[in-house]
Amino acid sequence: MQRVLIIAPNWIGDALMAQPLFILLKKLHPRIILDAVAPNWVAPILQQMPEIDHIYPTQLAHRKVQLWQRWQLAQTLRTVQYDAAYVLPNSAKSALLPWLAHIPLRIGYHGEHRYGLVNVRHLNPRKNAQRPTMVRHYAALAYAPRAQLPDELPLPHITLDPHKAALVAQRFMLTAQAPLIAFCPGAEYGSAKRWPVEHFATLAQLITYAFPYAQIVTLGSAQDAPLGALITAHAPHVRNLCGQTTLNDACALIASASAVVSNDSGLMHIAAALRRPLLALYGSSDPRHTPPLTDTARVQWLHLECSPCFARECPLGHLNCLRQLKPEHIFEQLREMLLIKS
């Protein structure tokens, strides 16, 4: 293979967990050029990965076929003459693009009965506690179906220019002389993955009492801005930057942070890939399947009988998996991190 196309995942966290696949492909085929098609909200993360040579950002909407737009992009891809495509999402529409582009090898999981669209098919793993982590799930595509993977795989890792990160912090009037703590209260999947905003607010108050010079910001998309506003309503010393930063800005601020407190979200995986001290809060999802892949993270998960349920909203209505994860406990974990770092 000389030129390979990646059909990237639709989620930031999944894109980061796919990076070990890209590293393996470059190792197994040292001369390949690795390009990617990615949603425009995921493309900035792929731009931070040295393994990716070129990116085609798209505005293809989630859960829409948009056949005309896919056909137009396929005509551009056809002129490049790719040897193979790795289709990482499981949907049939994701496999349409390399098929329309006449790419001969189209590699991916069986997905939505993608006979013909994917012609090198891997079997989908069963959804149970023994299924592989997402990193191993994606990395398996670098090898033949049913092949044995190495025990040790590369981990997601991105780096940012410290000078550029400092400039972003200055633009938001954050000083390098005081610790910066980033809260990531959002989780696009649904409320069952979101630690209660009142817990974030209580945690902010505990931090300010113990570390009065600490700077606390909330980070997230415009959809997370109401969550940030509720936190600042109870803890006015917190700055709500949700919706005020680009993804690159958020990455830069996370890179500058002394600690990050995050739900299981794309920003959590960014913090892990940047090797920041991280408290990762899990409720309806499973840290055994999508863990933060760094030794600088501490996973906070109660593992109640009803968790993980993988639901978007708590099916029992109480959200105990996150409500019972008390801010006082999270503060003690965070305090240890800050004291060790200092």
Protein backbone atom coordinates (compact mmCIF):
# COMPACT_ATOMS: atom_id res chain seq x y z
CA MET A 1 0.00 0.00 0.00
CA GLN A 2 1.25 3.46 -0.90
CA ARG A 3 -1.69 5.75 -0.19
CA VAL A 4 -4.36 4.99 2.39
CA LEU A 5 -7.55 6.81 3.36
CA ILE A 6 -9.02 6.80 6.85
CA ILE A 7 -12.74 7.39 7.31
CA ALA A 8 -12.43 8.88 10.78
CA PRO A 9 -14.87 8.44 13.66
CA ASN A 10 -17.54 11.05 14.30
CA TRP A 11 -16.47 11.66 17.90
CA ILE A 12 -13.35 13.39 19.22
CA GLY A 13 -12.67 10.71 21.83
CA ASP A 14 -12.99 7.91 19.29
CA ALA A 15 -10.63 9.73 16.93
CA LEU A 16 -8.00 9.84 19.66
CA MET A 17 -8.52 6.17 20.49
CA ALA A 18 -7.98 5.42 16.79
CA GLN A 19 -4.54 7.06 16.79
CA PRO A 20 -2.72 3.81 17.75
CA LEU A 21 -4.13 2.30 14.53
CA PHE A 22 -2.54 5.13 12.56
CA ILE A 23 0.78 4.60 14.35
CA LEU A 24 0.66 0.88 13.59
CA LEU A 25 -0.13 1.46 9.92
CA LYS A 26 2.87 3.78 9.59
CA LYS A 27 5.05 1.19 11.34
CA LEU A 28 3.83 -1.75 9.26
CA HIS A 29 3.96 0.22 5.99
CA PRO A 30 6.70 2.84 6.50
CA ARG A 31 6.25 4.52 3.10
CA ILE A 32 2.49 4.98 3.08
CA ILE A 33 0.77 8.34 2.93
CA LEU A 34 -2.10 8.39 5.40
CA ASP A 35 -4.97 10.79 4.68
CA ALA A 36 -8.27 11.15 6.52
CA VAL A 37 -11.85 12.20 5.92
CA ALA A 38 -13.22 13.68 9.14
CA PRO A 39 -16.14 15.80 10.35
CA ASN A 40 -15.06 19.40 10.70
CA TRP A 41 -15.42 19.21 14.49
CA VAL A 42 -12.99 16.24 14.63
CA ALA A 43 -10.48 17.49 12.04
CA PRO A 44 -8.58 19.80 14.48
CA ILE A 45 -7.64 16.79 16.60
CA LEU A 46 -6.37 14.82 13.60
CA GLN A 47 -4.28 17.87 12.65
CA GLN A 48 -2.36 17.37 15.92
CA MET A 49 -1.39 13.81 14.91
CA PRO A 50 1.92 13.52 13.01
CA GLU A 51 0.76 10.24 11.45
CA ILE A 52 -1.93 11.99 9.36
CA ASP A 53 -0.61 13.58 6.19
CA HIS A 54 -3.73 15.29 4.82
CA ILE A 55 -7.29 15.83 6.04
CA TYR A 56 -10.52 16.33 4.12
CA PRO A 57 -12.81 18.15 6.59
CA THR A 58 -16.50 17.55 5.86
CA GLN A 59 -19.81 18.97 6.95
CA LEU A 60 -21.57 15.64 6.65
CA ALA A 61 -24.23 15.60 9.35
CA HIS A 62 -24.52 12.79 11.87
CA ARG A 63 -27.23 10.24 10.98
CA LYS A 64 -27.86 11.70 7.50
CA VAL A 65 -26.93 9.97 4.24
CA GLN A 66 -26.33 13.14 2.15
CA LEU A 67 -25.64 11.00 -0.92
CA TRP A 68 -24.96 13.95 -3.25
CA GLN A 69 -22.29 15.43 -0.95
CA ARG A 70 -20.66 12.04 -0.54
CA TRP A 71 -20.65 11.46 -4.30
CA GLN A 72 -19.02 14.88 -4.89
CA LEU A 73 -16.25 14.17 -2.35
CA ALA A 74 -15.79 10.68 -3.82
CA GLN A 75 -14.97 12.22 -7.21
CA THR A 76 -12.12 14.17 -5.62
CA LEU A 77 -10.88 11.07 -3.79
CA ARG A 78 -11.03 9.00 -6.98
CA THR A 79 -8.40 11.22 -8.63
CA VAL A 80 -5.93 10.45 -5.81
CA GLN A 81 -6.14 6.70 -6.50
CA TYR A 82 -6.02 5.36 -2.96
CA ASP A 83 -4.94 1.75 -2.50
CA ALA A 84 -7.00 1.10 0.62
CA ALA A 85 -9.48 2.70 2.98
CA TYR A 86 -10.07 2.00 6.67
CA VAL A 87 -13.69 2.67 7.58
CA LEU A 88 -13.79 3.25 11.35
CA PRO A 89 -17.47 4.11 11.95
CA ASN A 90 -19.84 1.14 11.84
CA SER A 91 -22.57 2.73 9.70
CA ALA A 92 -23.30 1.76 6.11
CA LYS A 93 -23.23 5.40 4.97
CA SER A 94 -19.64 5.74 6.27
CA ALA A 95 -18.60 2.93 3.92
CA LEU A 96 -20.29 4.54 0.93
CA LEU A 97 -17.53 7.11 0.36
CA PRO A 98 -14.60 4.73 -0.35
CA TRP A 99 -16.92 2.52 -2.41
CA LEU A 100 -18.02 5.49 -4.53
CA ALA A 101 -14.35 6.52 -4.83
CA HIS A 102 -13.50 3.06 -6.29
CA ILE A 103 -10.91 2.33 -3.61
CA PRO A 104 -10.10 -1.37 -4.09
CA LEU A 105 -9.46 -2.42 -0.47
CA ARG A 106 -12.14 -1.25 1.99
CA ILE A 107 -11.35 -2.46 5.50
CA GLY A 108 -13.62 -2.25 8.53
CA TYR A 109 -15.97 -4.05 10.87
CA HIS A 110 -19.06 -5.81 9.58
CA GLY A 111 -21.20 -2.98 10.95
CA GLU A 112 -24.62 -2.41 9.40
CA HIS A 113 -24.56 -5.43 7.06
CA ARG A 114 -21.97 -3.73 4.87
CA TYR A 115 -21.57 -6.59 2.38
CA GLY A 116 -19.74 -5.30 -0.69
CA LEU A 117 -19.18 -1.83 0.76
CA VAL A 118 -16.52 -3.27 3.08
CA ASN A 119 -14.64 -6.11 1.40
CA VAL A 120 -12.15 -6.91 4.19
CA ARG A 121 -14.54 -7.42 7.09
CA HIS A 122 -13.71 -7.93 10.74
CA LEU A 123 -16.35 -9.40 13.04
CA ASN A 124 -17.90 -7.02 15.54
CA PRO A 125 -17.00 -7.88 19.16
CA ARG A 126 -19.79 -8.77 21.54
CA LYS A 127 -20.93 -5.97 23.83
CA ASN A 128 -19.99 -7.39 27.20
CA ALA A 129 -17.40 -6.80 29.90
CA GLN A 130 -14.87 -8.96 28.03
CA ARG A 131 -14.95 -6.96 24.81
CA PRO A 132 -11.69 -5.20 23.91
CA THR A 133 -10.98 -1.58 24.66
CA MET A 134 -11.73 0.83 21.84
CA VAL A 135 -8.00 1.24 21.23
CA ARG A 136 -7.62 -2.48 20.62
CA HIS A 137 -10.87 -2.51 18.64
CA TYR A 138 -9.49 0.02 16.16
CA ALA A 139 -5.90 -1.30 16.25
CA ALA A 140 -7.09 -4.75 15.15
CA LEU A 141 -7.89 -3.28 11.73
CA ALA A 142 -4.14 -2.93 11.05
CA TYR A 143 -3.94 -6.73 10.86
CA ALA A 144 -5.81 -9.47 9.07
CA PRO A 145 -9.22 -10.46 10.49
CA ARG A 146 -8.88 -12.70 13.58
CA ALA A 147 -5.11 -12.06 13.78
CA GLN A 148 -3.53 -11.89 17.22
CA LEU A 149 -2.70 -8.36 18.35
CA PRO A 150 0.51 -7.50 20.22
CA ASP A 151 0.04 -7.31 23.98
CA GLU A 152 1.44 -3.78 24.07
CA LEU A 153 0.01 -1.14 21.77
CA PRO A 154 1.02 2.48 21.29
CA LEU A 155 -1.12 4.97 23.18
CA PRO A 156 -2.83 8.15 21.96
CA HIS A 157 -0.50 11.09 22.39
CA ILE A 158 -0.58 14.65 21.11
CA THR A 159 1.69 17.56 21.88
CA LEU A 160 1.18 21.30 21.59
CA ASP A 161 3.72 24.07 21.23
CA PRO A 162 4.09 25.43 24.81
CA HIS A 163 4.55 28.96 23.47
CA LYS A 164 1.29 28.79 21.50
CA ALA A 165 -0.50 27.31 24.51
CA ALA A 166 0.79 30.18 26.67
CA LEU A 167 -0.47 32.72 24.14
CA VAL A 168 -3.96 31.21 24.24
CA ALA A 169 -3.93 31.34 28.05
CA GLN A 170 -2.89 34.99 27.93
CA ARG A 171 -5.68 35.76 25.46
CA PHE A 172 -8.17 34.49 28.01
CA MET A 173 -6.39 36.50 30.73
CA LEU A 174 -5.11 33.43 32.59
CA THR A 175 -1.78 33.69 34.34
CA ALA A 176 0.99 31.11 34.42
CA GLN A 177 1.77 32.11 38.02
CA ALA A 178 -1.36 30.42 39.47
CA PRO A 179 -2.64 26.87 38.98
CA LEU A 180 -5.27 26.45 36.28
CA ILE A 181 -7.99 23.85 36.86
CA ALA A 182 -10.25 22.95 33.95
CA PHE A 183 -13.76 21.57 34.45
CA CYS A 184 -15.31 19.75 31.48
CA PRO A 185 -18.99 19.41 32.48
CA GLY A 186 -20.38 18.34 29.12
CA ALA A 187 -20.86 14.98 27.43
CA GLU A 188 -22.58 15.14 24.08
CA TYR A 189 -23.89 11.58 24.33
CA GLY A 190 -26.38 12.48 27.07
CA SER A 191 -27.10 13.46 30.66
CA ALA A 192 -26.31 9.96 32.00
CA LYS A 193 -22.62 10.75 31.43
CA ARG A 194 -22.70 14.18 33.12
CA TRP A 195 -21.68 14.72 36.72
CA PRO A 196 -24.28 17.04 38.32
CA VAL A 197 -23.49 20.74 37.92
CA GLU A 198 -24.12 21.31 41.62
CA HIS A 199 -21.32 18.84 42.36
CA PHE A 200 -19.00 20.81 40.07
CA ALA A 201 -19.99 23.99 41.89
CA THR A 202 -19.32 22.46 45.31
CA LEU A 203 -15.97 21.16 44.09
CA ALA A 204 -15.09 24.68 42.90
CA GLN A 205 -15.88 26.08 46.34
CA LEU A 206 -13.71 23.46 48.03
CA ILE A 207 -10.84 24.22 45.65
CA THR A 208 -11.07 27.96 46.25
CA TYR A 209 -11.07 27.50 50.02
CA ALA A 210 -7.94 25.30 49.90
CA PHE A 211 -6.19 27.00 46.96
CA PRO A 212 -7.42 30.61 46.94
CA TYR A 213 -5.23 31.61 44.00
CA ALA A 214 -6.38 28.78 41.73
CA GLN A 215 -7.98 29.71 38.43
CA ILE A 216 -10.98 27.56 37.53
CA VAL A 217 -12.55 27.51 34.07
CA THR A 218 -15.23 25.44 32.39
CA LEU A 219 -14.51 24.19 28.89
CA GLY A 220 -16.87 22.78 26.30
CA SER A 221 -18.95 23.55 23.25
CA ALA A 222 -21.73 26.12 22.93
CA GLN A 223 -24.15 23.33 23.88
CA ASP A 224 -22.35 23.07 27.22
CA ALA A 225 -22.61 26.82 27.94
CA PRO A 226 -25.82 26.43 30.03
CA LEU A 227 -24.04 23.83 32.18
CA GLY A 228 -21.13 26.22 32.70
CA ALA A 229 -23.57 29.02 33.53
CA LEU A 230 -25.25 26.90 36.22
CA ILE A 231 -21.84 26.16 37.76
CA THR A 232 -20.85 29.83 37.83
CA ALA A 233 -24.25 30.76 39.29
CA HIS A 234 -23.34 28.74 42.39
CA ALA A 235 -19.59 29.43 42.23
CA PRO A 236 -19.08 32.93 40.74
CA HIS A 237 -15.27 32.66 40.86
CA VAL A 238 -15.44 30.03 38.06
CA ARG A 239 -15.09 31.41 34.53
CA ASN A 240 -17.46 29.85 32.04
CA LEU A 241 -15.55 29.48 28.77
CA CYS A 242 -17.93 26.89 27.28
CA GLY A 243 -18.72 27.99 23.75
CA GLN A 244 -16.12 30.77 23.84
CA THR A 245 -13.17 28.70 22.63
CA THR A 246 -12.36 26.83 19.48
CA LEU A 247 -11.35 23.20 19.88
CA ASN A 248 -7.73 24.26 19.38
CA ASP A 249 -8.13 26.87 22.13
CA ALA A 250 -9.60 24.27 24.47
CA CYS A 251 -6.68 21.93 23.73
CA ALA A 252 -4.23 24.74 24.52
CA LEU A 253 -5.92 25.54 27.83
CA ILE A 254 -6.02 21.87 28.80
CA ALA A 255 -2.31 21.62 27.94
CA SER A 256 -1.70 24.52 30.36
CA ALA A 257 -3.88 23.09 33.14
CA SER A 258 -2.53 21.87 36.45
CA ALA A 259 -5.47 19.46 36.62
CA VAL A 260 -8.58 18.55 34.64
CA VAL A 261 -11.89 17.26 36.02
CA SER A 262 -13.97 15.78 33.22
CA ASN A 263 -16.86 13.55 32.39
CA ASP A 264 -16.25 10.72 29.92
CA SER A 265 -16.08 12.96 26.85
CA GLY A 266 -13.86 14.06 24.00
CA LEU A 267 -12.17 16.64 26.21
CA MET A 268 -11.35 13.90 28.72
CA HIS A 269 -9.52 11.95 26.02
CA ILE A 270 -7.74 15.13 24.93
CA ALA A 271 -6.53 15.68 28.51
CA ALA A 272 -5.30 12.08 28.60
CA ALA A 273 -3.51 12.41 25.25
CA LEU A 274 -1.86 15.61 26.53
CA ARG A 275 -0.77 13.73 29.68
CA ARG A 276 -2.42 16.20 32.06
CA PRO A 277 -3.34 15.26 35.65
CA LEU A 278 -6.91 14.09 35.14
CA LEU A 279 -9.89 13.03 37.21
CA ALA A 280 -12.17 11.09 34.85
CA LEU A 281 -15.78 10.79 36.04
CA TYR A 282 -17.77 7.78 34.79
CA GLY A 283 -21.47 7.04 35.15
CA SER A 284 -23.39 5.22 32.42
CA SER A 285 -20.29 4.36 30.38
CA ASP A 286 -17.58 1.80 31.06
CA PRO A 287 -13.97 2.81 31.87
CA ARG A 288 -12.88 -0.74 31.07
CA HIS A 289 -13.85 -0.12 27.44
CA THR A 290 -13.04 3.58 26.91
CA PRO A 291 -10.51 4.47 29.64
CA PRO A 292 -8.31 7.55 29.67
CA LEU A 293 -5.08 6.08 28.38
CA THR A 294 -2.46 7.71 30.58
CA ASP A 295 -0.91 7.07 33.96
CA THR A 296 -1.68 10.70 34.88
CA ALA A 297 -5.42 9.90 35.14
CA ARG A 298 -7.48 8.65 38.05
CA VAL A 299 -10.77 7.04 37.07
CA GLN A 300 -13.69 7.78 39.39
CA TRP A 301 -16.40 5.13 38.95
CA LEU A 302 -18.73 3.67 41.56
CA HIS A 303 -19.53 0.55 39.50
CA LEU A 304 -23.05 0.28 40.89
CA GLU A 305 -25.20 -2.69 39.97
CA CYS A 306 -26.98 -0.57 37.34
CA SER A 307 -23.76 0.82 35.84
CA PRO A 308 -22.68 0.74 33.06
CA CYS A 309 -26.04 0.94 31.32
CA PHE A 310 -24.79 2.90 28.26
CA ALA A 311 -28.04 4.88 28.25
CA ARG A 312 -28.22 8.53 27.21
CA GLU A 313 -30.50 9.32 30.17
CA CYS A 314 -30.72 7.41 33.46
CA PRO A 315 -33.39 4.74 32.86
CA LEU A 316 -34.09 4.60 36.63
CA GLY A 317 -34.38 8.36 37.03
CA HIS A 318 -31.96 8.74 39.96
CA LEU A 319 -28.50 9.00 38.30
CA ASN A 320 -26.96 7.48 41.43
CA CYS A 321 -23.90 6.38 39.49
CA LEU A 322 -22.88 10.05 39.36
CA ARG A 323 -24.87 11.71 42.15
CA GLN A 324 -23.28 9.40 44.72
CA LEU A 325 -19.84 10.36 43.42
CA LYS A 326 -19.46 13.10 46.01
CA PRO A 327 -17.54 16.33 45.36
CA GLU A 328 -15.74 15.96 48.70
CA HIS A 329 -14.20 12.70 47.49
CA ILE A 330 -13.25 14.22 44.14
CA PHE A 331 -11.68 17.18 45.95
CA GLU A 332 -9.45 14.90 48.04
CA GLN A 333 -8.25 13.18 44.86
CA LEU A 334 -7.66 16.55 43.21
CA ARG A 335 -5.87 17.97 46.24
CA GLU A 336 -3.43 15.05 46.20
CA MET A 337 -2.75 15.67 42.52
CA LEU A 338 -2.09 19.36 43.05
CA LEU A 339 0.14 18.78 46.07
CA ILE A 340 2.14 16.09 44.25
CA LYS A 341 2.53 18.39 41.23
CA SER A 342 3.69 21.30 43.37
